[in-house]
C-alpha cells in the first residue's frame, strides 16, 4: 500500500506530463482573443508577429524596447477593435507590412 502511494506521488510530482499538441493559425486570431489571453499569452503572439514581419523584410535585428512598445500599440488598437484579426491590428497600428 505504501509503495502504491509513493508511485502515485511520483507520477503527480515528477512523472511524465502529456501535453496536447495544438497548432494555431495566427492569421485567424482576433483582437478579442489576443487581449483576453484566449489563445496564448499576448507577449508570445507579439514576439511571433515581430518575427514574421521582420522575416518578411530580412531584418535579423531585434530591439526589445521597440518590441514592447509595438506590442502595446497593437494591444491598444485591439481594445477598440475586438472583431479585427491581430495581424490586421499589427498592420494598422504599426504600418502596413511592418
PDB file of N, CA and C in Angstrom:
ATOM      1  N   UNK A   1       0.821  -1.195   0.000  1.00  0.00           N
ATOM      2  CA  UNK A   1       0.000   0.000   0.000  1.00  0.00           C
ATOM      3  C   UNK A   1       0.865   1.259   0.000  1.00  0.00           C
ATOM      4  N   UNK A   2       1.913   1.278   0.813  1.00  0.00           N
ATOM      5  CA  UNK A   2       2.798   2.443   0.869  1.00  0.00           C
ATOM      6  C   UNK A   2       3.525   2.604  -0.461  1.00  0.00           C
ATOM      7  N   UNK A   3       3.930   1.478  -1.044  1.00  0.00           N
ATOM      8  CA  UNK A   3       4.603   1.518  -2.344  1.00  0.00           C
ATOM      9  C   UNK A   3       3.698   2.151  -3.406  1.00  0.00           C
ATOM     10  N   UNK A   4       2.438   1.798  -3.392  1.00  0.00           N
ATOM     11  CA  UNK A   4       1.468   2.343  -4.334  1.00  0.00           C
ATOM     12  C   UNK A   4       1.293   3.850  -4.119  1.00  0.00           C
ATOM     13  N   UNK A   5       1.277   4.269  -2.849  1.00  0.00           N
ATOM     14  CA  UNK A   5       1.174   5.700  -2.524  1.00  0.00           C
ATOM     15  C   UNK A   5       2.343   6.466  -3.139  1.00  0.00           C
ATOM     16  N   UNK A   6       3.573   5.984  -2.946  1.00  0.00           N
ATOM     17  CA  UNK A   6       4.752   6.674  -3.456  1.00  0.00           C
ATOM     18  C   UNK A   6       4.807   6.654  -4.983  1.00  0.00           C
ATOM     19  N   UNK A   7       4.332   5.585  -5.577  1.00  0.00           N
ATOM     20  CA  UNK A   7       4.254   5.545  -7.038  1.00  0.00           C
ATOM     21  C   UNK A   7       3.293   6.622  -7.548  1.00  0.00           C
ATOM     22  N   UNK A   8       2.166   6.765  -6.890  1.00  0.00           N
ATOM     23  CA  UNK A   8       1.196   7.804  -7.254  1.00  0.00           C
ATOM     24  C   UNK A   8       1.769   9.192  -7.067  1.00  0.00           C
ATOM     25  N   UNK A   9       2.472   9.403  -5.978  1.00  0.00           N
ATOM     26  CA  UNK A   9       3.084  10.716  -5.719  1.00  0.00           C
ATOM     27  C   UNK A   9       4.146  11.029  -6.780  1.00  0.00           C
ATOM     28  N   UNK A  10       4.941  10.048  -7.130  1.00  0.00           N
ATOM     29  CA  UNK A  10       5.976  10.262  -8.153  1.00  0.00           C
ATOM     30  C   UNK A  10       5.347  10.640  -9.486  1.00  0.00           C
ATOM     31  N   UNK A  11       4.238  10.013  -9.801  1.00  0.00           N
ATOM     32  CA  UNK A  11       3.556  10.326 -11.061  1.00  0.00           C
ATOM     33  C   UNK A  11       2.997  11.743 -11.038  1.00  0.00           C
ATOM     34  N   UNK A  12       2.500  12.161  -9.888  1.00  0.00           N
ATOM     35  CA  UNK A  12       1.939  13.517  -9.783  1.00  0.00           C
ATOM     36  C   UNK A  12       3.012  14.588  -9.800  1.00  0.00           C
ATOM     37  N   UNK A  13       4.108  14.326  -9.107  1.00  0.00           N
ATOM     38  CA  UNK A  13       5.140  15.349  -8.952  1.00  0.00           C
ATOM     39  C   UNK A  13       6.138  15.346 -10.095  1.00  0.00           C
ATOM     40  N   UNK A  14       6.689  14.202 -10.427  1.00  0.00           N
ATOM     41  CA  UNK A  14       7.774  14.208 -11.401  1.00  0.00           C
ATOM     42  C   UNK A  14       7.564  13.301 -12.582  1.00  0.00           C
ATOM     43  N   UNK A  15       6.392  12.752 -12.697  1.00  0.00           N
ATOM     44  CA  UNK A  15       6.132  11.832 -13.791  1.00  0.00           C
ATOM     45  C   UNK A  15       5.981  12.548 -15.105  1.00  0.00           C
ATOM     46  N   UNK A  16       5.967  11.798 -16.178  1.00  0.00           N
ATOM     47  CA  UNK A  16       5.806  12.415 -17.490  1.00  0.00           C
ATOM     48  C   UNK A  16       4.445  13.099 -17.605  1.00  0.00           C
ATOM     49  N   UNK A  17       4.460  14.236 -18.241  1.00  0.00           N
ATOM     50  CA  UNK A  17       3.233  15.015 -18.413  1.00  0.00           C
ATOM     51  C   UNK A  17       2.856  14.991 -19.884  1.00  0.00           C
ATOM     52  N   UNK A  18       1.624  14.645 -20.154  1.00  0.00           N
ATOM     53  CA  UNK A  18       1.145  14.619 -21.534  1.00  0.00           C
ATOM     54  C   UNK A  18       0.548  15.981 -21.879  1.00  0.00           C
ATOM     55  N   UNK A  19       1.025  16.577 -22.931  1.00  0.00           N
ATOM     56  CA  UNK A  19       0.509  17.850 -23.407  1.00  0.00           C
ATOM     57  C   UNK A  19      -0.091  17.643 -24.787  1.00  0.00           C
ATOM     58  N   UNK A  20      -1.237  18.230 -24.987  1.00  0.00           N
ATOM     59  CA  UNK A  20      -1.854  18.154 -26.305  1.00  0.00           C
ATOM     60  C   UNK A  20      -1.066  19.044 -27.260  1.00  0.00           C
ATOM     61  N   UNK A  21      -0.831  18.561 -28.439  1.00  0.00           N
ATOM     62  CA  UNK A  21      -0.149  19.349 -29.445  1.00  0.00           C
ATOM     63  C   UNK A  21      -1.200  20.179 -30.159  1.00  0.00           C
ATOM     64  N   UNK A  22      -1.029  21.491 -30.112  1.00  0.00           N
ATOM     65  CA  UNK A  22      -2.006  22.392 -30.681  1.00  0.00           C
ATOM     66  C   UNK A  22      -1.318  23.298 -31.692  1.00  0.00           C
ATOM     67  N   UNK A  23      -1.924  23.444 -32.842  1.00  0.00           N
ATOM     68  CA  UNK A  23      -1.433  24.381 -33.850  1.00  0.00           C
ATOM     69  C   UNK A  23      -2.435  25.512 -33.950  1.00  0.00           C
ATOM     70  N   UNK A  24      -1.922  26.712 -34.092  1.00  0.00           N
ATOM     71  CA  UNK A  24      -2.772  27.893 -34.164  1.00  0.00           C
ATOM     72  C   UNK A  24      -2.438  28.669 -35.429  1.00  0.00           C
ATOM     73  N   UNK A  25      -3.453  29.020 -36.178  1.00  0.00           N
ATOM     74  CA  UNK A  25      -3.281  29.868 -37.353  1.00  0.00           C
ATOM     75  C   UNK A  25      -3.368  31.309 -36.871  1.00  0.00           C
ATOM     76  N   UNK A  26      -2.224  31.972 -36.791  1.00  0.00           N
ATOM     77  CA  UNK A  26      -2.169  33.331 -36.250  1.00  0.00           C
ATOM     78  C   UNK A  26      -3.023  34.289 -37.076  1.00  0.00           C
ATOM     79  N   UNK A  27      -3.181  34.019 -38.349  1.00  0.00           N
ATOM     80  CA  UNK A  27      -3.991  34.892 -39.204  1.00  0.00           C
ATOM     81  C   UNK A  27      -5.458  34.901 -38.777  1.00  0.00           C
ATOM     82  N   UNK A  28      -5.869  33.925 -37.973  1.00  0.00           N
ATOM     83  CA  UNK A  28      -7.259  33.842 -37.543  1.00  0.00           C
ATOM     84  C   UNK A  28      -7.493  34.325 -36.109  1.00  0.00           C
ATOM     85  N   UNK A  29      -6.427  34.680 -35.404  1.00  0.00           N
ATOM     86  CA  UNK A  29      -6.579  35.157 -34.028  1.00  0.00           C
ATOM     87  C   UNK A  29      -7.201  36.542 -34.048  1.00  0.00           C
ATOM     88  N   UNK A  30      -8.296  36.703 -33.326  1.00  0.00           N
ATOM     89  CA  UNK A  30      -8.954  38.012 -33.263  1.00  0.00           C
ATOM     90  C   UNK A  30      -8.337  38.852 -32.144  1.00  0.00           C
ATOM     91  N   UNK A  31      -8.606  40.132 -32.221  1.00  0.00           N
ATOM     92  CA  UNK A  31      -8.140  41.029 -31.172  1.00  0.00           C
ATOM     93  C   UNK A  31      -8.742  40.648 -29.823  1.00  0.00           C
ATOM     94  N   UNK A  32      -9.995  40.232 -29.831  1.00  0.00           N
ATOM     95  CA  UNK A  32     -10.633  39.819 -28.580  1.00  0.00           C
ATOM     96  C   UNK A  32      -9.886  38.643 -27.960  1.00  0.00           C
ATOM     97  N   UNK A  33      -9.496  37.688 -28.787  1.00  0.00           N
ATOM     98  CA  UNK A  33      -8.730  36.544 -28.295  1.00  0.00           C
ATOM     99  C   UNK A  33      -7.348  36.979 -27.818  1.00  0.00           C
ATOM    100  N   UNK A  34      -6.749  37.929 -28.524  1.00  0.00           N
ATOM    101  CA  UNK A  34      -5.412  38.422 -28.195  1.00  0.00           C
ATOM    102  C   UNK A  34      -5.402  39.089 -26.826  1.00  0.00           C
ATOM    103  N   UNK A  35      -6.255  40.080 -26.618  1.00  0.00           N
ATOM    104  CA  UNK A  35      -6.238  40.815 -25.349  1.00  0.00           C
ATOM    105  C   UNK A  35      -6.838  40.001 -24.205  1.00  0.00           C
ATOM    106  N   UNK A  36      -7.625  38.993 -24.507  1.00  0.00           N
ATOM    107  CA  UNK A  36      -8.252  38.177 -23.483  1.00  0.00           C
ATOM    108  C   UNK A  36      -7.469  36.935 -23.113  1.00  0.00           C
ATOM    109  N   UNK A  37      -6.238  36.792 -23.607  1.00  0.00           N
ATOM    110  CA  UNK A  37      -5.386  35.632 -23.311  1.00  0.00           C
ATOM    111  C   UNK A  37      -6.089  34.325 -23.683  1.00  0.00           C
ATOM    112  N   UNK A  38      -6.929  34.333 -24.717  1.00  0.00           N
ATOM    113  CA  UNK A  38      -7.722  33.150 -25.048  1.00  0.00           C
ATOM    114  C   UNK A  38      -6.976  32.126 -25.897  1.00  0.00           C
ATOM    115  N   UNK A  39      -5.912  32.544 -26.560  1.00  0.00           N
ATOM    116  CA  UNK A  39      -5.146  31.618 -27.394  1.00  0.00           C
ATOM    117  C   UNK A  39      -3.783  31.345 -26.765  1.00  0.00           C
ATOM    118  N   UNK A  40      -3.118  32.393 -26.354  1.00  0.00           N
ATOM    119  CA  UNK A  40      -1.788  32.308 -25.744  1.00  0.00           C
ATOM    120  C   UNK A  40      -1.511  33.647 -25.078  1.00  0.00           C
ATOM    121  N   UNK A  41      -0.435  33.707 -24.356  1.00  0.00           N
ATOM    122  CA  UNK A  41      -0.015  34.961 -23.752  1.00  0.00           C
ATOM    123  C   UNK A  41       0.218  35.970 -24.879  1.00  0.00           C
ATOM    124  N   UNK A  42      -0.379  37.161 -24.804  1.00  0.00           N
ATOM    125  CA  UNK A  42      -0.205  38.157 -25.868  1.00  0.00           C
ATOM    126  C   UNK A  42       1.263  38.487 -26.169  1.00  0.00           C
ATOM    127  N   UNK A  43       2.127  38.379 -25.175  1.00  0.00           N
ATOM    128  CA  UNK A  43       3.552  38.645 -25.421  1.00  0.00           C
ATOM    129  C   UNK A  43       4.131  37.620 -26.385  1.00  0.00           C
ATOM    130  N   UNK A  44       3.709  36.365 -26.255  1.00  0.00           N
ATOM    131  CA  UNK A  44       4.191  35.329 -27.165  1.00  0.00           C
ATOM    132  C   UNK A  44       3.705  35.602 -28.588  1.00  0.00           C
ATOM    133  N   UNK A  45       2.467  36.031 -28.704  1.00  0.00           N
ATOM    134  CA  UNK A  45       1.920  36.341 -30.029  1.00  0.00           C
ATOM    135  C   UNK A  45       2.639  37.547 -30.615  1.00  0.00           C
ATOM    136  N   UNK A  46       2.908  38.547 -29.787  1.00  0.00           N
ATOM    137  CA  UNK A  46       3.612  39.743 -30.255  1.00  0.00           C
ATOM    138  C   UNK A  46       5.015  39.396 -30.753  1.00  0.00           C
ATOM    139  N   UNK A  47       5.697  38.512 -30.049  1.00  0.00           N
ATOM    140  CA  UNK A  47       7.034  38.082 -30.483  1.00  0.00           C
ATOM    141  C   UNK A  47       6.940  37.357 -31.822  1.00  0.00           C
ATOM    142  N   UNK A  48       5.921  36.492 -31.970  1.00  0.00           N
ATOM    143  CA  UNK A  48       5.737  35.788 -33.238  1.00  0.00           C
ATOM    144  C   UNK A  48       5.487  36.787 -34.357  1.00  0.00           C
ATOM    145  N   UNK A  49       4.596  37.758 -34.112  1.00  0.00           N
ATOM    146  CA  UNK A  49       4.295  38.774 -35.132  1.00  0.00           C
ATOM    147  C   UNK A  49       5.544  39.550 -35.515  1.00  0.00           C
ATOM    148  N   UNK A  50       6.339  39.908 -34.524  1.00  0.00           N
ATOM    149  CA  UNK A  50       7.581  40.634 -34.797  1.00  0.00           C
ATOM    150  C   UNK A  50       8.495  39.798 -35.693  1.00  0.00           C
ATOM    151  N   UNK A  51       8.645  38.530 -35.359  1.00  0.00           N
ATOM    152  CA  UNK A  51       9.483  37.652 -36.182  1.00  0.00           C
ATOM    153  C   UNK A  51       8.946  37.501 -37.593  1.00  0.00           C
ATOM    154  N   UNK A  52       7.639  37.390 -37.691  1.00  0.00           N
ATOM    155  CA  UNK A  52       7.012  37.225 -39.006  1.00  0.00           C
ATOM    156  C   UNK A  52       7.271  38.449 -39.890  1.00  0.00           C
ATOM    157  N   UNK A  53       6.946  39.622 -39.366  1.00  0.00           N
ATOM    158  CA  UNK A  53       7.101  40.828 -40.186  1.00  0.00           C
ATOM    159  C   UNK A  53       8.565  41.191 -40.413  1.00  0.00           C
ATOM    160  N   UNK A  54       9.432  40.968 -39.428  1.00  0.00           N
ATOM    161  CA  UNK A  54      10.860  41.218 -39.633  1.00  0.00           C
ATOM    162  C   UNK A  54      11.452  40.218 -40.613  1.00  0.00           C
ATOM    163  N   UNK A  55      10.969  38.981 -40.568  1.00  0.00           N
ATOM    164  CA  UNK A  55      11.425  37.979 -41.532  1.00  0.00           C
ATOM    165  C   UNK A  55      11.068  38.352 -42.960  1.00  0.00           C
ATOM    166  N   UNK A  56       9.878  38.926 -43.148  1.00  0.00           N
ATOM    167  CA  UNK A  56       9.468  39.360 -44.482  1.00  0.00           C
ATOM    168  C   UNK A  56      10.382  40.456 -45.014  1.00  0.00           C
ATOM    169  N   UNK A  57      10.999  41.207 -44.103  1.00  0.00           N
ATOM    170  CA  UNK A  57      11.895  42.300 -44.506  1.00  0.00           C
ATOM    171  C   UNK A  57      13.372  41.897 -44.436  1.00  0.00           C
ATOM    172  N   UNK A  58      13.630  40.611 -44.172  1.00  0.00           N
ATOM    173  CA  UNK A  58      15.003  40.114 -43.999  1.00  0.00           C
ATOM    174  C   UNK A  58      15.758  40.875 -42.916  1.00  0.00           C
ATOM    175  N   UNK A  59      15.052  41.304 -41.891  1.00  0.00           N
ATOM    176  CA  UNK A  59      15.663  42.016 -40.774  1.00  0.00           C
ATOM    177  C   UNK A  59      15.927  41.021 -39.652  1.00  0.00           C
ATOM    178  N   UNK A  60      17.188  40.870 -39.272  1.00  0.00           N
ATOM    179  CA  UNK A  60      17.550  39.923 -38.219  1.00  0.00           C
ATOM    180  C   UNK A  60      17.856  40.612 -36.893  1.00  0.00           C
ATOM    181  N   UNK A  61      17.636  41.908 -36.820  1.00  0.00           N
ATOM    182  CA  UNK A  61      17.932  42.668 -35.609  1.00  0.00           C
ATOM    183  C   UNK A  61      16.658  42.844 -34.791  1.00  0.00           C
ATOM    184  N   UNK A  62      16.768  42.652 -33.486  1.00  0.00           N
ATOM    185  CA  UNK A  62      15.618  42.851 -32.608  1.00  0.00           C
ATOM    186  C   UNK A  62      15.945  43.944 -31.598  1.00  0.00           C
ATOM    187  N   UNK A  63      15.006  44.832 -31.398  1.00  0.00           N
ATOM    188  CA  UNK A  63      15.112  45.894 -30.405  1.00  0.00           C
ATOM    189  C   UNK A  63      14.047  45.609 -29.350  1.00  0.00           C
ATOM    190  N   UNK A  64      14.431  45.054 -28.201  1.00  0.00           N
ATOM    191  CA  UNK A  64      13.443  44.674 -27.193  1.00  0.00           C
ATOM    192  C   UNK A  64      12.532  45.823 -26.747  1.00  0.00           C
ATOM    193  N   UNK A  65      13.061  47.024 -26.643  1.00  0.00           N
ATOM    194  CA  UNK A  65      12.231  48.165 -26.242  1.00  0.00           C
ATOM    195  C   UNK A  65      11.201  48.493 -27.317  1.00  0.00           C
ATOM    196  N   UNK A  66      11.621  48.444 -28.568  1.00  0.00           N
ATOM    197  CA  UNK A  66      10.683  48.699 -29.668  1.00  0.00           C
ATOM    198  C   UNK A  66       9.628  47.597 -29.728  1.00  0.00           C
ATOM    199  N   UNK A  67      10.032  46.349 -29.478  1.00  0.00           N
ATOM    200  CA  UNK A  67       9.082  45.245 -29.474  1.00  0.00           C
ATOM    201  C   UNK A  67       8.025  45.461 -28.400  1.00  0.00           C
ATOM    202  N   UNK A  68       8.439  45.853 -27.218  1.00  0.00           N
ATOM    203  CA  UNK A  68       7.498  46.127 -26.123  1.00  0.00           C
ATOM    204  C   UNK A  68       6.564  47.281 -26.482  1.00  0.00           C
ATOM    205  N   UNK A  69       7.116  48.324 -27.043  1.00  0.00           N
ATOM    206  CA  UNK A  69       6.321  49.498 -27.448  1.00  0.00           C
ATOM    207  C   UNK A  69       5.318  49.120 -28.542  1.00  0.00           C
ATOM    208  N   UNK A  70       5.774  48.392 -29.537  1.00  0.00           N
ATOM    209  CA  UNK A  70       4.899  47.989 -30.641  1.00  0.00           C
ATOM    210  C   UNK A  70       3.794  47.041 -30.161  1.00  0.00           C
ATOM    211  N   UNK A  71       4.138  46.138 -29.242  1.00  0.00           N
ATOM    212  CA  UNK A  71       3.127  45.227 -28.686  1.00  0.00           C
ATOM    213  C   UNK A  71       2.049  46.032 -27.966  1.00  0.00           C
ATOM    214  N   UNK A  72       2.455  47.084 -27.287  1.00  0.00           N
ATOM    215  CA  UNK A  72       1.493  47.962 -26.617  1.00  0.00           C
ATOM    216  C   UNK A  72       0.581  48.666 -27.603  1.00  0.00           C
ATOM    217  N   UNK A  73       1.135  49.085 -28.725  1.00  0.00           N
ATOM    218  CA  UNK A  73       0.316  49.740 -29.753  1.00  0.00           C
ATOM    219  C   UNK A  73      -0.713  48.778 -30.332  1.00  0.00           C
ATOM    220  N   UNK A  74      -0.298  47.541 -30.572  1.00  0.00           N
ATOM    221  CA  UNK A  74      -1.226  46.531 -31.097  1.00  0.00           C
ATOM    222  C   UNK A  74      -2.302  46.236 -30.059  1.00  0.00           C
ATOM    223  N   UNK A  75      -1.904  46.086 -28.815  1.00  0.00           N
ATOM    224  CA  UNK A  75      -2.865  45.830 -27.734  1.00  0.00           C
ATOM    225  C   UNK A  75      -3.881  46.971 -27.631  1.00  0.00           C
ATOM    226  N   UNK A  76      -3.399  48.216 -27.671  1.00  0.00           N
ATOM    227  CA  UNK A  76      -4.301  49.370 -27.594  1.00  0.00           C
ATOM    228  C   UNK A  76      -5.273  49.398 -28.769  1.00  0.00           C
ATOM    229  N   UNK A  77      -4.778  49.109 -29.957  1.00  0.00           N
ATOM    230  CA  UNK A  77      -5.642  49.056 -31.135  1.00  0.00           C
ATOM    231  C   UNK A  77      -6.697  47.973 -30.960  1.00  0.00           C
ATOM    232  N   UNK A  78      -6.262  46.824 -30.450  1.00  0.00           N
ATOM    233  CA  UNK A  78      -7.180  45.689 -30.290  1.00  0.00           C
ATOM    234  C   UNK A  78      -8.298  45.982 -29.300  1.00  0.00           C
ATOM    235  N   UNK A  79      -8.025  46.742 -28.269  1.00  0.00           N
ATOM    236  CA  UNK A  79      -9.064  47.052 -27.287  1.00  0.00           C
ATOM    237  C   UNK A  79     -10.243  47.782 -27.918  1.00  0.00           C
ATOM    238  N   UNK A  80      -9.997  48.497 -28.994  1.00  0.00           N
ATOM    239  CA  UNK A  80     -11.068  49.228 -29.677  1.00  0.00           C
ATOM    240  C   UNK A  80     -11.600  48.507 -30.901  1.00  0.00           C
ATOM    241  N   UNK A  81     -11.003  47.376 -31.240  1.00  0.00           N
ATOM    242  CA  UNK A  81     -11.354  46.665 -32.480  1.00  0.00           C
ATOM    243  C   UNK A  81     -11.361  45.160 -32.255  1.00  0.00           C
ATOM    244  N   UNK A  82     -12.204  44.691 -31.345  1.00  0.00           N
ATOM    245  CA  UNK A  82     -12.239  43.273 -30.987  1.00  0.00           C
ATOM    246  C   UNK A  82     -12.457  42.354 -32.175  1.00  0.00           C
ATOM    247  N   UNK A  83     -13.185  42.797 -33.181  1.00  0.00           N
ATOM    248  CA  UNK A  83     -13.530  41.920 -34.303  1.00  0.00           C
ATOM    249  C   UNK A  83     -12.414  41.789 -35.331  1.00  0.00           C
ATOM    250  N   UNK A  84     -11.396  42.631 -35.287  1.00  0.00           N
ATOM    251  CA  UNK A  84     -10.281  42.570 -36.235  1.00  0.00           C
ATOM    252  C   UNK A  84      -9.353  41.404 -35.892  1.00  0.00           C
ATOM    253  N   UNK A  85      -8.614  40.929 -36.882  1.00  0.00           N
ATOM    254  CA  UNK A  85      -7.582  39.939 -36.586  1.00  0.00           C
ATOM    255  C   UNK A  85      -6.385  40.670 -36.000  1.00  0.00           C
ATOM    256  N   UNK A  86      -5.608  39.951 -35.227  1.00  0.00           N
ATOM    257  CA  UNK A  86      -4.435  40.566 -34.606  1.00  0.00           C
ATOM    258  C   UNK A  86      -3.401  40.952 -35.672  1.00  0.00           C
ATOM    259  N   UNK A  87      -3.347  40.206 -36.777  1.00  0.00           N
ATOM    260  CA  UNK A  87      -2.417  40.582 -37.853  1.00  0.00           C
ATOM    261  C   UNK A  87      -2.853  41.889 -38.504  1.00  0.00           C
ATOM    262  N   UNK A  88      -4.143  42.041 -38.699  1.00  0.00           N
ATOM    263  CA  UNK A  88      -4.669  43.304 -39.244  1.00  0.00           C
ATOM    264  C   UNK A  88      -4.395  44.437 -38.258  1.00  0.00           C
ATOM    265  N   UNK A  89      -4.555  44.163 -36.977  1.00  0.00           N
ATOM    266  CA  UNK A  89      -4.273  45.166 -35.951  1.00  0.00           C
ATOM    267  C   UNK A  89      -2.818  45.600 -36.003  1.00  0.00           C
ATOM    268  N   UNK A  90      -1.907  44.645 -36.173  1.00  0.00           N
ATOM    269  CA  UNK A  90      -0.479  44.979 -36.262  1.00  0.00           C
ATOM    270  C   UNK A  90      -0.215  45.860 -37.477  1.00  0.00           C
ATOM    271  N   UNK A  91      -0.836  45.523 -38.584  1.00  0.00           N
ATOM    272  CA  UNK A  91      -0.644  46.313 -39.802  1.00  0.00           C
ATOM    273  C   UNK A  91      -1.209  47.722 -39.637  1.00  0.00           C
ATOM    274  N   UNK A  92      -2.368  47.834 -38.998  1.00  0.00           N
ATOM    275  CA  UNK A  92      -2.987  49.146 -38.808  1.00  0.00           C
ATOM    276  C   UNK A  92      -2.241  49.981 -37.759  1.00  0.00           C
ATOM    277  N   UNK A  93      -1.877  49.352 -36.646  1.00  0.00           N
ATOM    278  CA  UNK A  93      -1.243  50.075 -35.555  1.00  0.00           C
ATOM    279  C   UNK A  93       0.205  50.443 -35.836  1.00  0.00           C
ATOM    280  N   UNK A  94       0.875  49.633 -36.651  1.00  0.00           N
ATOM    281  CA  UNK A  94       2.300  49.820 -36.858  1.00  0.00           C
ATOM    282  C   UNK A  94       2.677  50.206 -38.280  1.00  0.00           C
ATOM    283  N   UNK A  95       1.723  50.190 -39.177  1.00  0.00           N
ATOM    284  CA  UNK A  95       2.014  50.491 -40.574  1.00  0.00           C
ATOM    285  C   UNK A  95       1.999  49.213 -41.390  1.00  0.00           C
ATOM    286  N   UNK A  96       1.548  49.307 -42.600  1.00  0.00           N
ATOM    287  CA  UNK A  96       1.402  48.126 -43.457  1.00  0.00           C
ATOM    288  C   UNK A  96       2.680  47.336 -43.590  1.00  0.00           C
ATOM    289  N   UNK A  97       2.565  46.024 -43.405  1.00  0.00           N
ATOM    290  CA  UNK A  97       3.688  45.123 -43.611  1.00  0.00           C
ATOM    291  C   UNK A  97       4.818  45.274 -42.625  1.00  0.00           C
ATOM    292  N   UNK A  98       4.571  45.896 -41.499  1.00  0.00           N
ATOM    293  CA  UNK A  98       5.643  46.122 -40.544  1.00  0.00           C
ATOM    294  C   UNK A  98       6.006  44.894 -39.839  1.00  0.00           C
TER     295      UNK A  98
END
